[in-house]
């Protein structure tokens, strides 16, 4: 039961780090973006009439990645415990 709690905590930490990194990377790219205004006039083209921001992710995919992370962390914990028992 304790291993399951550690595996869940590991999955939460992994997902938190991933989403934090994604947000920080987007923020930093936005802050340092410098458009090339003079180069834009050389190649004129039609603009799209619709713009999509982000991507839609199914809640099932989020649940599956969370469960996969939990299984991965649980597997690592089990391997670690076996290695510690053999070392004693």
PDB file of N, CA and C in Angstrom:
ATOM      1  N   UNK A   1       0.821  -1.197   0.000  1.00  0.00           N
ATOM      2  CA  UNK A   1       0.000   0.000   0.000  1.00  0.00           C
ATOM      3  C   UNK A   1       0.865   1.261   0.000  1.00  0.00           C
ATOM      4  N   UNK A   2       1.988   1.173   0.724  1.00  0.00           N
ATOM      5  CA  UNK A   2       2.892   2.304   0.776  1.00  0.00           C
ATOM      6  C   UNK A   2       3.544   2.536  -0.594  1.00  0.00           C
ATOM      7  N   UNK A   3       3.830   1.444  -1.300  1.00  0.00           N
ATOM      8  CA  UNK A   3       4.436   1.563  -2.637  1.00  0.00           C
ATOM      9  C   UNK A   3       3.463   2.228  -3.605  1.00  0.00           C
ATOM     10  N   UNK A   4       2.177   1.923  -3.473  1.00  0.00           N
ATOM     11  CA  UNK A   4       1.172   2.548  -4.332  1.00  0.00           C
ATOM     12  C   UNK A   4       1.104   4.054  -4.080  1.00  0.00           C
ATOM     13  N   UNK A   5       1.180   4.447  -2.830  1.00  0.00           N
ATOM     14  CA  UNK A   5       1.155   5.879  -2.500  1.00  0.00           C
ATOM     15  C   UNK A   5       2.390   6.580  -3.071  1.00  0.00           C
ATOM     16  N   UNK A   6       3.559   5.927  -2.969  1.00  0.00           N
ATOM     17  CA  UNK A   6       4.772   6.501  -3.540  1.00  0.00           C
ATOM     18  C   UNK A   6       4.680   6.577  -5.069  1.00  0.00           C
ATOM     19  N   UNK A   7       4.110   5.559  -5.681  1.00  0.00           N
ATOM     20  CA  UNK A   7       3.964   5.556  -7.136  1.00  0.00           C
ATOM     21  C   UNK A   7       3.014   6.672  -7.591  1.00  0.00           C
ATOM     22  N   UNK A   8       1.913   6.859  -6.880  1.00  0.00           N
ATOM     23  CA  UNK A   8       0.995   7.951  -7.205  1.00  0.00           C
ATOM     24  C   UNK A   8       1.669   9.310  -7.034  1.00  0.00           C
ATOM     25  N   UNK A   9       2.421   9.457  -5.962  1.00  0.00           N
ATOM     26  CA  UNK A   9       3.131  10.714  -5.728  1.00  0.00           C
ATOM     27  C   UNK A   9       4.163  10.958  -6.826  1.00  0.00           C
ATOM     28  N   UNK A  10       4.858   9.917  -7.247  1.00  0.00           N
ATOM     29  CA  UNK A  10       5.830  10.052  -8.336  1.00  0.00           C
ATOM     30  C   UNK A  10       5.165  10.480  -9.636  1.00  0.00           C
ATOM     31  N   UNK A  11       4.009   9.903  -9.920  1.00  0.00           N
ATOM     32  CA  UNK A  11       3.283  10.270 -11.134  1.00  0.00           C
ATOM     33  C   UNK A  11       2.818  11.722 -11.075  1.00  0.00           C
ATOM     34  N   UNK A  12       2.347  12.152  -9.931  1.00  0.00           N
ATOM     35  CA  UNK A  12       1.927  13.547  -9.774  1.00  0.00           C
ATOM     36  C   UNK A  12       3.121  14.484  -9.970  1.00  0.00           C
ATOM     37  N   UNK A  13       4.258  14.127  -9.416  1.00  0.00           N
ATOM     38  CA  UNK A  13       5.456  14.962  -9.552  1.00  0.00           C
ATOM     39  C   UNK A  13       5.894  15.030 -11.010  1.00  0.00           C
ATOM     40  N   UNK A  14       5.884  13.897 -11.706  1.00  0.00           N
ATOM     41  CA  UNK A  14       6.285  13.879 -13.114  1.00  0.00           C
ATOM     42  C   UNK A  14       5.359  14.755 -13.950  1.00  0.00           C
ATOM     43  N   UNK A  15       4.048  14.633 -13.739  1.00  0.00           N
ATOM     44  CA  UNK A  15       3.097  15.433 -14.507  1.00  0.00           C
ATOM     45  C   UNK A  15       3.211  16.917 -14.166  1.00  0.00           C
ATOM     46  N   UNK A  16       3.430  17.246 -12.909  1.00  0.00           N
ATOM     47  CA  UNK A  16       3.600  18.642 -12.507  1.00  0.00           C
ATOM     48  C   UNK A  16       4.842  19.246 -13.150  1.00  0.00           C
ATOM     49  N   UNK A  17       5.950  18.498 -13.151  1.00  0.00           N
ATOM     50  CA  UNK A  17       7.173  18.992 -13.783  1.00  0.00           C
ATOM     51  C   UNK A  17       6.976  19.191 -15.288  1.00  0.00           C
ATOM     52  N   UNK A  18       6.284  18.267 -15.928  1.00  0.00           N
ATOM     53  CA  UNK A  18       6.050  18.373 -17.371  1.00  0.00           C
ATOM     54  C   UNK A  18       5.223  19.611 -17.704  1.00  0.00           C
ATOM     55  N   UNK A  19       4.112  19.817 -16.995  1.00  0.00           N
ATOM     56  CA  UNK A  19       3.260  20.969 -17.292  1.00  0.00           C
ATOM     57  C   UNK A  19       3.943  22.283 -16.930  1.00  0.00           C
ATOM     58  N   UNK A  20       4.721  22.296 -15.854  1.00  0.00           N
ATOM     59  CA  UNK A  20       5.459  23.495 -15.485  1.00  0.00           C
ATOM     60  C   UNK A  20       6.498  23.841 -16.545  1.00  0.00           C
ATOM     61  N   UNK A  21       7.225  22.816 -17.019  1.00  0.00           N
ATOM     62  CA  UNK A  21       8.214  23.048 -18.070  1.00  0.00           C
ATOM     63  C   UNK A  21       7.550  23.582 -19.338  1.00  0.00           C
ATOM     64  N   UNK A  22       6.425  23.009 -19.719  1.00  0.00           N
ATOM     65  CA  UNK A  22       5.725  23.449 -20.923  1.00  0.00           C
ATOM     66  C   UNK A  22       5.293  24.905 -20.807  1.00  0.00           C
ATOM     67  N   UNK A  23       4.737  25.272 -19.669  1.00  0.00           N
ATOM     68  CA  UNK A  23       4.308  26.661 -19.473  1.00  0.00           C
ATOM     69  C   UNK A  23       5.489  27.620 -19.455  1.00  0.00           C
ATOM     70  N   UNK A  24       6.578  27.249 -18.769  1.00  0.00           N
ATOM     71  CA  UNK A  24       7.745  28.129 -18.707  1.00  0.00           C
ATOM     72  C   UNK A  24       8.407  28.279 -20.071  1.00  0.00           C
ATOM     73  N   UNK A  25       8.504  27.193 -20.824  1.00  0.00           N
ATOM     74  CA  UNK A  25       9.117  27.273 -22.150  1.00  0.00           C
ATOM     75  C   UNK A  25       8.300  28.181 -23.066  1.00  0.00           C
ATOM     76  N   UNK A  26       6.986  28.074 -23.028  1.00  0.00           N
ATOM     77  CA  UNK A  26       6.140  28.946 -23.834  1.00  0.00           C
ATOM     78  C   UNK A  26       6.250  30.399 -23.410  1.00  0.00           C
ATOM     79  N   UNK A  27       6.324  30.630 -22.115  1.00  0.00           N
ATOM     80  CA  UNK A  27       6.444  32.001 -21.606  1.00  0.00           C
ATOM     81  C   UNK A  27       7.777  32.619 -22.028  1.00  0.00           C
ATOM     82  N   UNK A  28       8.855  31.847 -21.906  1.00  0.00           N
ATOM     83  CA  UNK A  28      10.178  32.364 -22.266  1.00  0.00           C
ATOM     84  C   UNK A  28      10.253  32.631 -23.767  1.00  0.00           C
ATOM     85  N   UNK A  29       9.713  31.730 -24.586  1.00  0.00           N
ATOM     86  CA  UNK A  29       9.710  31.950 -26.031  1.00  0.00           C
ATOM     87  C   UNK A  29       8.898  33.193 -26.396  1.00  0.00           C
ATOM     88  N   UNK A  30       7.808  33.420 -25.693  1.00  0.00           N
ATOM     89  CA  UNK A  30       6.990  34.604 -25.957  1.00  0.00           C
ATOM     90  C   UNK A  30       7.735  35.871 -25.566  1.00  0.00           C
ATOM     91  N   UNK A  31       8.431  35.851 -24.449  1.00  0.00           N
ATOM     92  CA  UNK A  31       9.128  37.037 -23.975  1.00  0.00           C
ATOM     93  C   UNK A  31      10.282  37.426 -24.898  1.00  0.00           C
ATOM     94  N   UNK A  32      10.975  36.448 -25.488  1.00  0.00           N
ATOM     95  CA  UNK A  32      12.144  36.735 -26.307  1.00  0.00           C
ATOM     96  C   UNK A  32      11.852  36.727 -27.810  1.00  0.00           C
ATOM     97  N   UNK A  33      10.590  36.676 -28.199  1.00  0.00           N
ATOM     98  CA  UNK A  33      10.242  36.671 -29.622  1.00  0.00           C
ATOM     99  C   UNK A  33      10.421  38.058 -30.197  1.00  0.00           C
ATOM    100  N   UNK A  34      11.151  38.118 -31.303  1.00  0.00           N
ATOM    101  CA  UNK A  34      11.343  39.382 -32.008  1.00  0.00           C
ATOM    102  C   UNK A  34      10.956  39.153 -33.460  1.00  0.00           C
ATOM    103  N   UNK A  35       9.831  39.726 -33.874  1.00  0.00           N
ATOM    104  CA  UNK A  35       9.398  39.513 -35.260  1.00  0.00           C
ATOM    105  C   UNK A  35      10.316  40.224 -36.251  1.00  0.00           C
ATOM    106  N   UNK A  36      10.446  39.636 -37.427  1.00  0.00           N
ATOM    107  CA  UNK A  36      11.247  40.210 -38.503  1.00  0.00           C
ATOM    108  C   UNK A  36      10.311  41.006 -39.407  1.00  0.00           C
ATOM    109  N   UNK A  37      10.114  42.273 -39.080  1.00  0.00           N
ATOM    110  CA  UNK A  37       9.151  43.100 -39.793  1.00  0.00           C
ATOM    111  C   UNK A  37       9.627  43.399 -41.211  1.00  0.00           C
ATOM    112  N   UNK A  38      10.897  43.733 -41.372  1.00  0.00           N
ATOM    113  CA  UNK A  38      11.386  44.077 -42.713  1.00  0.00           C
ATOM    114  C   UNK A  38      11.392  42.855 -43.628  1.00  0.00           C
ATOM    115  N   UNK A  39      11.682  41.697 -43.120  1.00  0.00           N
ATOM    116  CA  UNK A  39      11.684  40.475 -43.925  1.00  0.00           C
ATOM    117  C   UNK A  39      10.291  39.993 -44.269  1.00  0.00           C
ATOM    118  N   UNK A  40       9.319  40.404 -43.507  1.00  0.00           N
ATOM    119  CA  UNK A  40       7.944  39.974 -43.758  1.00  0.00           C
ATOM    120  C   UNK A  40       7.366  40.596 -45.010  1.00  0.00           C
ATOM    121  N   UNK A  41       7.827  41.781 -45.380  1.00  0.00           N
ATOM    122  CA  UNK A  41       7.276  42.458 -46.552  1.00  0.00           C
ATOM    123  C   UNK A  41       7.773  41.848 -47.852  1.00  0.00           C
ATOM    124  N   UNK A  42       8.873  41.112 -47.813  1.00  0.00           N
ATOM    125  CA  UNK A  42       9.430  40.537 -49.034  1.00  0.00           C
ATOM    126  C   UNK A  42       8.569  39.389 -49.566  1.00  0.00           C
ATOM    127  N   UNK A  43       7.993  38.618 -48.696  1.00  0.00           N
ATOM    128  CA  UNK A  43       7.178  37.477 -49.100  1.00  0.00           C
ATOM    129  C   UNK A  43       5.758  37.663 -48.565  1.00  0.00           C
ATOM    130  N   UNK A  44       4.928  38.284 -49.357  1.00  0.00           N
ATOM    131  CA  UNK A  44       3.540  38.499 -48.946  1.00  0.00           C
ATOM    132  C   UNK A  44       2.721  37.257 -49.304  1.00  0.00           C
ATOM    133  N   UNK A  45       1.875  36.829 -48.412  1.00  0.00           N
ATOM    134  CA  UNK A  45       0.989  35.693 -48.656  1.00  0.00           C
ATOM    135  C   UNK A  45      -0.299  35.920 -47.874  1.00  0.00           C
ATOM    136  N   UNK A  46      -1.302  35.170 -48.252  1.00  0.00           N
ATOM    137  CA  UNK A  46      -2.600  35.313 -47.601  1.00  0.00           C
ATOM    138  C   UNK A  46      -2.566  34.728 -46.194  1.00  0.00           C
ATOM    139  N   UNK A  47      -3.235  35.370 -45.292  1.00  0.00           N
ATOM    140  CA  UNK A  47      -3.320  34.896 -43.921  1.00  0.00           C
ATOM    141  C   UNK A  47      -4.508  33.955 -43.764  1.00  0.00           C
ATOM    142  N   UNK A  48      -4.400  33.092 -42.802  1.00  0.00           N
ATOM    143  CA  UNK A  48      -5.519  32.208 -42.514  1.00  0.00           C
ATOM    144  C   UNK A  48      -6.631  33.011 -41.844  1.00  0.00           C
ATOM    145  N   UNK A  49      -7.845  32.572 -42.052  1.00  0.00           N
ATOM    146  CA  UNK A  49      -8.962  33.276 -41.438  1.00  0.00           C
ATOM    147  C   UNK A  49      -9.299  32.708 -40.059  1.00  0.00           C
ATOM    148  N   UNK A  50      -8.749  31.544 -39.729  1.00  0.00           N
ATOM    149  CA  UNK A  50      -9.006  30.933 -38.420  1.00  0.00           C
ATOM    150  C   UNK A  50      -7.682  30.564 -37.764  1.00  0.00           C
ATOM    151  N   UNK A  51      -7.651  30.719 -36.462  1.00  0.00           N
ATOM    152  CA  UNK A  51      -6.451  30.392 -35.706  1.00  0.00           C
ATOM    153  C   UNK A  51      -6.843  29.483 -34.554  1.00  0.00           C
ATOM    154  N   UNK A  52      -6.065  28.450 -34.358  1.00  0.00           N
ATOM    155  CA  UNK A  52      -6.320  27.534 -33.245  1.00  0.00           C
ATOM    156  C   UNK A  52      -5.205  27.697 -32.218  1.00  0.00           C
ATOM    157  N   UNK A  53      -5.575  27.853 -30.976  1.00  0.00           N
ATOM    158  CA  UNK A  53      -4.609  27.969 -29.895  1.00  0.00           C
ATOM    159  C   UNK A  53      -4.599  26.673 -29.096  1.00  0.00           C
ATOM    160  N   UNK A  54      -3.417  26.119 -28.929  1.00  0.00           N
ATOM    161  CA  UNK A  54      -3.302  24.902 -28.133  1.00  0.00           C
ATOM    162  C   UNK A  54      -3.842  23.689 -28.871  1.00  0.00           C
ATOM    163  N   UNK A  55      -4.024  22.651 -28.126  1.00  0.00           N
ATOM    164  CA  UNK A  55      -4.553  21.408 -28.694  1.00  0.00           C
ATOM    165  C   UNK A  55      -5.531  20.819 -27.702  1.00  0.00           C
ATOM    166  N   UNK A  56      -6.525  20.190 -28.222  1.00  0.00           N
ATOM    167  CA  UNK A  56      -7.489  19.563 -27.316  1.00  0.00           C
ATOM    168  C   UNK A  56      -7.017  18.149 -27.000  1.00  0.00           C
ATOM    169  N   UNK A  57      -6.964  17.846 -25.742  1.00  0.00           N
ATOM    170  CA  UNK A  57      -6.540  16.525 -25.294  1.00  0.00           C
ATOM    171  C   UNK A  57      -7.718  15.876 -24.587  1.00  0.00           C
ATOM    172  N   UNK A  58      -7.983  14.674 -24.963  1.00  0.00           N
ATOM    173  CA  UNK A  58      -9.077  13.946 -24.356  1.00  0.00           C
ATOM    174  C   UNK A  58      -8.778  13.684 -22.880  1.00  0.00           C
ATOM    175  N   UNK A  59      -9.773  13.757 -22.026  1.00  0.00           N
ATOM    176  CA  UNK A  59      -9.525  13.444 -20.620  1.00  0.00           C
ATOM    177  C   UNK A  59      -9.089  11.994 -20.427  1.00  0.00           C
ATOM    178  N   UNK A  60      -9.472  11.131 -21.356  1.00  0.00           N
ATOM    179  CA  UNK A  60      -9.043   9.736 -21.269  1.00  0.00           C
ATOM    180  C   UNK A  60      -7.538   9.606 -21.459  1.00  0.00           C
ATOM    181  N   UNK A  61      -6.980  10.427 -22.339  1.00  0.00           N
ATOM    182  CA  UNK A  61      -5.536  10.402 -22.552  1.00  0.00           C
ATOM    183  C   UNK A  61      -4.816  10.867 -21.293  1.00  0.00           C
ATOM    184  N   UNK A  62      -5.343  11.888 -20.648  1.00  0.00           N
ATOM    185  CA  UNK A  62      -4.730  12.385 -19.412  1.00  0.00           C
ATOM    186  C   UNK A  62      -4.765  11.317 -18.320  1.00  0.00           C
ATOM    187  N   UNK A  63      -5.873  10.630 -18.207  1.00  0.00           N
ATOM    188  CA  UNK A  63      -5.987   9.563 -17.208  1.00  0.00           C
ATOM    189  C   UNK A  63      -5.029   8.424 -17.538  1.00  0.00           C
ATOM    190  N   UNK A  64      -4.943   8.070 -18.817  1.00  0.00           N
ATOM    191  CA  UNK A  64      -4.040   6.990 -19.212  1.00  0.00           C
ATOM    192  C   UNK A  64      -2.581   7.343 -18.956  1.00  0.00           C
ATOM    193  N   UNK A  65      -2.188   8.588 -19.228  1.00  0.00           N
ATOM    194  CA  UNK A  65      -0.803   8.968 -18.952  1.00  0.00           C
ATOM    195  C   UNK A  65      -0.529   8.984 -17.457  1.00  0.00           C
ATOM    196  N   UNK A  66      -1.512   9.390 -16.673  1.00  0.00           N
ATOM    197  CA  UNK A  66      -1.338   9.373 -15.222  1.00  0.00           C
ATOM    198  C   UNK A  66      -1.183   7.933 -14.715  1.00  0.00           C
ATOM    199  N   UNK A  67      -2.016   7.026 -15.215  1.00  0.00           N
ATOM    200  CA  UNK A  67      -1.911   5.620 -14.814  1.00  0.00           C
ATOM    201  C   UNK A  67      -0.607   4.995 -15.297  1.00  0.00           C
ATOM    202  N   UNK A  68      -0.185   5.340 -16.510  1.00  0.00           N
ATOM    203  CA  UNK A  68       1.080   4.821 -17.024  1.00  0.00           C
ATOM    204  C   UNK A  68       2.247   5.329 -16.180  1.00  0.00           C
ATOM    205  N   UNK A  69       2.193   6.587 -15.782  1.00  0.00           N
ATOM    206  CA  UNK A  69       3.237   7.123 -14.904  1.00  0.00           C
ATOM    207  C   UNK A  69       3.252   6.431 -13.554  1.00  0.00           C
ATOM    208  N   UNK A  70       2.062   6.121 -13.037  1.00  0.00           N
ATOM    209  CA  UNK A  70       1.970   5.415 -11.762  1.00  0.00           C
ATOM    210  C   UNK A  70       2.543   4.007 -11.885  1.00  0.00           C
ATOM    211  N   UNK A  71       2.213   3.321 -12.968  1.00  0.00           N
ATOM    212  CA  UNK A  71       2.758   1.973 -13.181  1.00  0.00           C
ATOM    213  C   UNK A  71       4.275   2.012 -13.340  1.00  0.00           C
ATOM    214  N   UNK A  72       4.765   3.004 -14.064  1.00  0.00           N
ATOM    215  CA  UNK A  72       6.211   3.141 -14.245  1.00  0.00           C
ATOM    216  C   UNK A  72       6.912   3.387 -12.915  1.00  0.00           C
ATOM    217  N   UNK A  73       6.387   4.309 -12.131  1.00  0.00           N
ATOM    218  CA  UNK A  73       6.981   4.598 -10.819  1.00  0.00           C
ATOM    219  C   UNK A  73       6.894   3.378  -9.900  1.00  0.00           C
ATOM    220  N   UNK A  74       5.772   2.659  -9.940  1.00  0.00           N
ATOM    221  CA  UNK A  74       5.632   1.444  -9.143  1.00  0.00           C
ATOM    222  C   UNK A  74       6.633   0.385  -9.551  1.00  0.00           C
ATOM    223  N   UNK A  75       6.874   0.256 -10.856  1.00  0.00           N
ATOM    224  CA  UNK A  75       7.865  -0.695 -11.356  1.00  0.00           C
ATOM    225  C   UNK A  75       9.255  -0.325 -10.860  1.00  0.00           C
ATOM    226  N   UNK A  76       9.601   0.944 -10.915  1.00  0.00           N
ATOM    227  CA  UNK A  76      10.912   1.406 -10.437  1.00  0.00           C
ATOM    228  C   UNK A  76      11.048   1.158  -8.937  1.00  0.00           C
ATOM    229  N   UNK A  77       9.997   1.407  -8.176  1.00  0.00           N
ATOM    230  CA  UNK A  77      10.032   1.178  -6.727  1.00  0.00           C
ATOM    231  C   UNK A  77      10.232  -0.305  -6.425  1.00  0.00           C
ATOM    232  N   UNK A  78       9.535  -1.172  -7.149  1.00  0.00           N
ATOM    233  CA  UNK A  78       9.690  -2.617  -6.934  1.00  0.00           C
ATOM    234  C   UNK A  78      11.103  -3.081  -7.260  1.00  0.00           C
ATOM    235  N   UNK A  79      11.655  -2.590  -8.357  1.00  0.00           N
ATOM    236  CA  UNK A  79      13.029  -2.954  -8.716  1.00  0.00           C
ATOM    237  C   UNK A  79      14.007  -2.456  -7.657  1.00  0.00           C
ATOM    238  N   UNK A  80      13.781  -1.258  -7.157  1.00  0.00           N
ATOM    239  CA  UNK A  80      14.651  -0.711  -6.120  1.00  0.00           C
ATOM    240  C   UNK A  80      14.593  -1.556  -4.856  1.00  0.00           C
ATOM    241  N   UNK A  81      13.398  -1.967  -4.448  1.00  0.00           N
ATOM    242  CA  UNK A  81      13.257  -2.787  -3.243  1.00  0.00           C
ATOM    243  C   UNK A  81      13.919  -4.146  -3.409  1.00  0.00           C
ATOM    244  N   UNK A  82      13.807  -4.739  -4.593  1.00  0.00           N
ATOM    245  CA  UNK A  82      14.458  -6.022  -4.844  1.00  0.00           C
ATOM    246  C   UNK A  82      15.973  -5.858  -4.787  1.00  0.00           C
ATOM    247  N   UNK A  83      16.493  -4.778  -5.366  1.00  0.00           N
ATOM    248  CA  UNK A  83      17.936  -4.526  -5.349  1.00  0.00           C
ATOM    249  C   UNK A  83      18.441  -4.300  -3.934  1.00  0.00           C
ATOM    250  N   UNK A  84      17.657  -3.613  -3.107  1.00  0.00           N
ATOM    251  CA  UNK A  84      18.070  -3.366  -1.723  1.00  0.00           C
ATOM    252  C   UNK A  84      18.086  -4.672  -0.930  1.00  0.00           C
ATOM    253  N   UNK A  85      17.085  -5.535  -1.147  1.00  0.00           N
ATOM    254  CA  UNK A  85      17.047  -6.818  -0.446  1.00  0.00           C
ATOM    255  C   UNK A  85      18.218  -7.711  -0.836  1.00  0.00           C
ATOM    256  N   UNK A  86      18.595  -7.692  -2.113  1.00  0.00           N
ATOM    257  CA  UNK A  86      19.727  -8.505  -2.561  1.00  0.00           C
ATOM    258  C   UNK A  86      21.038  -7.969  -2.022  1.00  0.00           C
ATOM    259  N   UNK A  87      21.125  -6.666  -1.832  1.00  0.00           N
ATOM    260  CA  UNK A  87      22.361  -6.055  -1.340  1.00  0.00           C
ATOM    261  C   UNK A  87      22.586  -6.346   0.139  1.00  0.00           C
ATOM    262  N   UNK A  88      21.536  -6.697   0.858  1.00  0.00           N
ATOM    263  CA  UNK A  88      21.688  -6.943   2.295  1.00  0.00           C
ATOM    264  C   UNK A  88      22.168  -8.300   2.502  1.00  0.00           C
TER     265      UNK A  88
END
